[in-house]
Amino acid sequence: MADEHYAIDMAAPRRPRATPWGTVLLAAGLIALGWTGLKLQVEQSQRADDEATLVRLEAALVDRGAASHAAATRVPTAAERRVQSDLARVSGDLFRPWFPMLDALEASAVQKVNLQQLSVDAGFTKLQLRVDAPDLTRVLQYVHALDTAGTPLQGAQLLGHEWQTAAGAPRRLQARISVGLVPMGKAMAPQPPGALGCGTDAALPCLSARAAP
């Protein structure tokens, strides 16, 4: 038999050398892997924050609904009812025609007639005036001016008058006048047929068709 020979290399195998492109690809892969991991971590953190916020909002809505229900079913105390009543009264006073009324009074002014006191009833339906004048003629002229002033004034009455004398000063006439008030925007009620109006003669002014005796 012929002798057979086998070639055996006892040297250690050589490792393949890394090429520049392989290094670049490996670095790019590592960077992409790190970026993906970081992005997932940020998304998970954001999702956890959103879930926590949602839980807080749901709890706040539940608490608010419970508080609203309790407030709606709670019976107010006597002190709270008084405060609510006062607030409603003040709110009503603020929306009453104060400025139109004062403008009408200013437009109805008569020379030498001094307005000393003004008061309005709680229902804002009657105006009470106290005036000072040198004589009755001036007072009657003022009553006539108020009687024809128009909305919100409606009708003027001379309730009474008296002379006042101060030491060293000429006597003055003190008079009380009542004037009706109507809501703004509503037409004044027409006078019934045959009702007497104030005279047109400036020298002989009348009190009013509704003048008190």
Protein backbone atom coordinates (compact mmCIF):
# COMPACT_ATOMS: atom_id res chain seq x y z
CA MET A 1 0.00 0.00 0.00
CA ALA A 2 1.28 3.34 -0.93
CA ASP A 3 2.03 5.72 1.87
CA GLU A 4 -0.48 8.65 2.18
CA HIS A 5 0.57 12.03 3.46
CA TYR A 6 -1.74 14.54 5.16
CA ALA A 7 -0.82 18.20 5.37
CA ILE A 8 -1.66 19.49 8.87
CA ASP A 9 -1.16 23.17 9.76
CA MET A 10 -0.58 23.43 13.49
CA ALA A 11 -0.58 27.23 13.50
CA ALA A 12 -3.53 29.09 15.13
CA PRO A 13 -6.20 30.43 12.69
CA ARG A 14 -5.91 34.10 11.87
CA ARG A 15 -8.74 36.42 12.86
CA PRO A 16 -10.18 38.58 10.11
CA ARG A 17 -9.09 42.16 10.34
CA ALA A 18 -11.78 44.80 10.97
CA THR A 19 -12.20 47.11 8.06
CA PRO A 20 -13.00 50.85 8.48
CA TRP A 21 -16.50 50.36 7.07
CA GLY A 22 -17.23 47.61 9.52
CA THR A 23 -16.20 49.84 12.41
CA VAL A 24 -18.45 52.62 11.16
CA LEU A 25 -21.43 50.27 10.80
CA LEU A 26 -20.85 48.86 14.27
CA ALA A 27 -20.71 52.33 15.81
CA ALA A 28 -23.88 53.37 13.96
CA GLY A 29 -25.69 50.27 15.22
CA LEU A 30 -24.67 50.95 18.81
CA ILE A 31 -25.80 54.59 18.54
CA ALA A 32 -29.15 53.56 17.05
CA LEU A 33 -29.65 50.97 19.80
CA GLY A 34 -28.86 53.51 22.53
CA TRP A 35 -31.17 56.14 20.96
CA THR A 36 -34.02 53.63 20.70
CA GLY A 37 -33.61 52.60 24.33
CA LEU A 38 -33.54 56.24 25.50
CA LYS A 39 -36.65 57.06 23.44
CA LEU A 40 -38.55 54.11 24.89
CA GLN A 41 -37.57 55.20 28.39
CA VAL A 42 -38.81 58.79 27.77
CA GLU A 43 -42.08 57.50 26.29
CA GLN A 44 -42.67 55.24 29.27
CA SER A 45 -41.99 58.10 31.66
CA GLN A 46 -44.38 60.40 29.75
CA ARG A 47 -47.05 57.71 29.69
CA ALA A 48 -46.72 57.26 33.45
CA ASP A 49 -47.04 61.02 33.99
CA ASP A 50 -50.15 61.15 31.77
CA GLU A 51 -51.76 58.29 33.67
CA ALA A 52 -51.03 60.00 37.00
CA THR A 53 -52.51 63.27 35.71
CA LEU A 54 -55.62 61.47 34.51
CA VAL A 55 -56.06 59.86 37.92
CA ARG A 56 -55.77 63.26 39.64
CA LEU A 57 -58.31 64.85 37.27
CA GLU A 58 -60.80 62.04 37.81
CA ALA A 59 -60.42 62.40 41.58
CA ALA A 60 -60.87 66.19 41.34
CA LEU A 61 -64.04 65.76 39.26
CA VAL A 62 -65.45 63.33 41.79
CA ASP A 63 -64.67 65.71 44.67
CA ARG A 64 -66.18 68.66 42.79
CA GLY A 65 -69.35 66.74 42.00
CA ALA A 66 -69.70 65.73 45.63
CA ALA A 67 -69.15 69.32 46.79
CA SER A 68 -71.69 70.65 44.28
CA HIS A 69 -74.27 68.11 45.38
CA ALA A 70 -73.67 68.95 49.03
CA ALA A 71 -73.99 72.68 48.33
CA ALA A 72 -77.19 72.17 46.35
CA THR A 73 -78.82 70.09 49.06
CA ARG A 74 -77.60 72.12 52.04
CA VAL A 75 -80.20 74.35 53.65
CA PRO A 76 -78.82 77.91 54.14
CA THR A 77 -78.72 79.27 57.66
CA ALA A 78 -80.72 82.27 58.81
CA ALA A 79 -77.62 84.49 58.60
CA GLU A 80 -76.94 83.34 55.04
CA ARG A 81 -80.54 84.03 54.06
CA ARG A 82 -80.26 87.55 55.46
CA VAL A 83 -77.07 88.14 53.49
CA GLN A 84 -78.72 86.84 50.29
CA SER A 85 -81.70 89.10 50.90
CA ASP A 86 -79.44 92.12 51.42
CA LEU A 87 -77.50 91.33 48.25
CA ALA A 88 -80.71 91.04 46.24
CA ARG A 89 -81.95 94.35 47.62
CA VAL A 90 -78.69 96.16 46.87
CA SER A 91 -78.59 94.66 43.37
CA GLY A 92 -82.14 95.87 42.75
CA ASP A 93 -81.26 99.36 43.98
CA LEU A 94 -78.29 99.58 41.63
CA PHE A 95 -80.45 98.83 38.58
CA ARG A 96 -83.11 101.42 39.38
CA PRO A 97 -83.28 104.59 37.25
CA TRP A 98 -81.41 106.84 39.66
CA PHE A 99 -79.60 108.86 37.01
CA PRO A 100 -82.66 109.47 34.79
CA MET A 101 -84.55 110.59 37.89
CA LEU A 102 -81.80 112.99 38.94
CA ASP A 103 -81.53 114.31 35.37
CA ALA A 104 -85.28 114.98 35.33
CA LEU A 105 -85.03 116.82 38.65
CA GLU A 106 -82.18 118.93 37.36
CA ALA A 107 -84.08 119.75 34.16
CA SER A 108 -87.12 120.78 36.24
CA ALA A 109 -85.22 123.24 38.41
CA VAL A 110 -86.88 126.61 39.03
CA GLN A 111 -84.88 129.70 39.92
CA LYS A 112 -84.76 130.50 43.67
CA VAL A 113 -86.29 127.12 44.61
CA ASN A 114 -83.77 125.16 46.65
CA LEU A 115 -84.01 121.39 47.01
CA GLN A 116 -83.24 120.60 50.63
CA GLN A 117 -84.16 116.91 51.00
CA LEU A 118 -84.86 113.96 48.71
CA SER A 119 -86.09 110.47 49.60
CA VAL A 120 -87.41 107.47 47.65
CA ASP A 121 -89.60 104.69 49.02
CA ALA A 122 -88.43 101.06 49.12
CA GLY A 123 -90.42 100.12 46.02
CA PHE A 124 -89.04 103.05 44.01
CA THR A 125 -92.56 104.24 43.24
CA LYS A 126 -92.69 107.55 45.12
CA LEU A 127 -90.28 110.45 45.42
CA GLN A 128 -90.56 112.86 48.36
CA LEU A 129 -89.01 116.33 48.13
CA ARG A 130 -88.59 119.15 50.61
CA VAL A 131 -87.88 122.52 49.02
CA ASP A 132 -87.28 126.10 50.11
CA ALA A 133 -88.61 129.04 48.10
CA PRO A 134 -89.22 132.78 48.55
CA ASP A 135 -92.97 132.49 47.83
CA LEU A 136 -95.77 130.11 46.89
CA THR A 137 -95.70 131.10 43.21
CA ARG A 138 -92.18 129.69 42.82
CA VAL A 139 -93.22 126.47 44.55
CA LEU A 140 -96.21 126.05 42.22
CA GLN A 141 -93.97 126.62 39.20
CA TYR A 142 -91.68 123.89 40.46
CA VAL A 143 -94.58 121.48 40.99
CA HIS A 144 -95.75 122.19 37.44
CA ALA A 145 -92.25 121.54 36.05
CA LEU A 146 -92.08 118.20 37.89
CA ASP A 147 -95.58 117.28 36.78
CA THR A 148 -94.65 117.67 33.11
CA ALA A 149 -91.06 116.39 33.26
CA GLY A 150 -91.88 112.95 31.85
CA THR A 151 -90.45 109.49 32.58
CA PRO A 152 -89.40 108.43 35.16
CA LEU A 153 -91.35 111.22 36.93
CA GLN A 154 -95.11 110.88 36.76
CA GLY A 155 -97.32 113.42 38.45
CA ALA A 156 -96.38 115.85 41.21
CA GLN A 157 -98.41 116.84 44.28
CA LEU A 158 -97.93 119.66 46.73
CA LEU A 159 -98.44 117.96 50.08
CA GLY A 160 -98.08 121.03 52.27
CA HIS A 161 -96.18 124.20 52.96
CA GLU A 162 -95.39 126.56 55.82
CA TRP A 163 -93.54 129.80 56.33
CA GLN A 164 -90.28 129.82 58.24
CA THR A 165 -88.79 132.97 59.73
CA ALA A 166 -85.21 133.26 60.88
CA ALA A 167 -83.83 136.14 62.91
CA GLY A 168 -82.42 138.83 60.66
CA ALA A 169 -83.44 137.05 57.43
CA PRO A 170 -86.50 137.27 55.20
CA ARG A 171 -89.07 134.56 55.69
CA ARG A 172 -88.94 131.52 53.41
CA LEU A 173 -91.56 129.02 52.36
CA GLN A 174 -90.90 125.36 53.23
CA ALA A 175 -92.87 122.97 51.01
CA ARG A 176 -93.26 119.18 50.74
CA ILE A 177 -93.79 117.66 47.29
CA SER A 178 -94.60 114.08 46.27
CA VAL A 179 -93.70 112.78 42.80
CA GLY A 180 -94.65 109.42 41.30
CA LEU A 181 -92.00 107.22 39.69
CA VAL A 182 -92.49 104.76 36.82
CA PRO A 183 -90.02 102.16 35.47
CA MET A 184 -87.89 103.28 32.55
CA GLY A 185 -89.12 102.13 29.15
CA LYS A 186 -92.77 101.95 30.16
CA ALA A 187 -95.17 104.51 28.74
CA MET A 188 -96.83 106.77 31.22
CA ALA A 189 -100.47 105.92 31.80
CA PRO A 190 -102.77 108.30 29.92
CA GLN A 191 -105.01 110.58 31.93
CA PRO A 192 -108.71 109.69 31.93
CA PRO A 193 -110.98 111.79 29.72
CA GLY A 194 -111.90 115.07 31.30
CA ALA A 195 -108.94 115.11 33.70
CA LEU A 196 -107.64 118.58 34.39
CA GLY A 197 -104.04 119.33 33.58
CA CYS A 198 -101.82 122.10 34.76
CA GLY A 199 -102.51 125.53 33.37
CA THR A 200 -100.47 126.99 30.54
CA ASP A 201 -100.49 130.48 31.96
CA ALA A 202 -97.06 130.97 33.53
CA ALA A 203 -98.45 133.72 35.77
CA LEU A 204 -101.05 131.36 37.23
CA PRO A 205 -99.42 127.91 37.50
CA CYS A 206 -101.52 125.11 38.96
CA LEU A 207 -100.50 122.48 41.48
CA SER A 208 -101.36 119.32 39.51
CA ALA A 209 -104.29 117.33 38.35
CA ARG A 210 -103.47 115.08 41.35
CA ALA A 211 -102.63 117.83 43.81
CA ALA A 212 -103.40 117.08 47.41
CA PRO A 213 -105.97 119.36 49.00
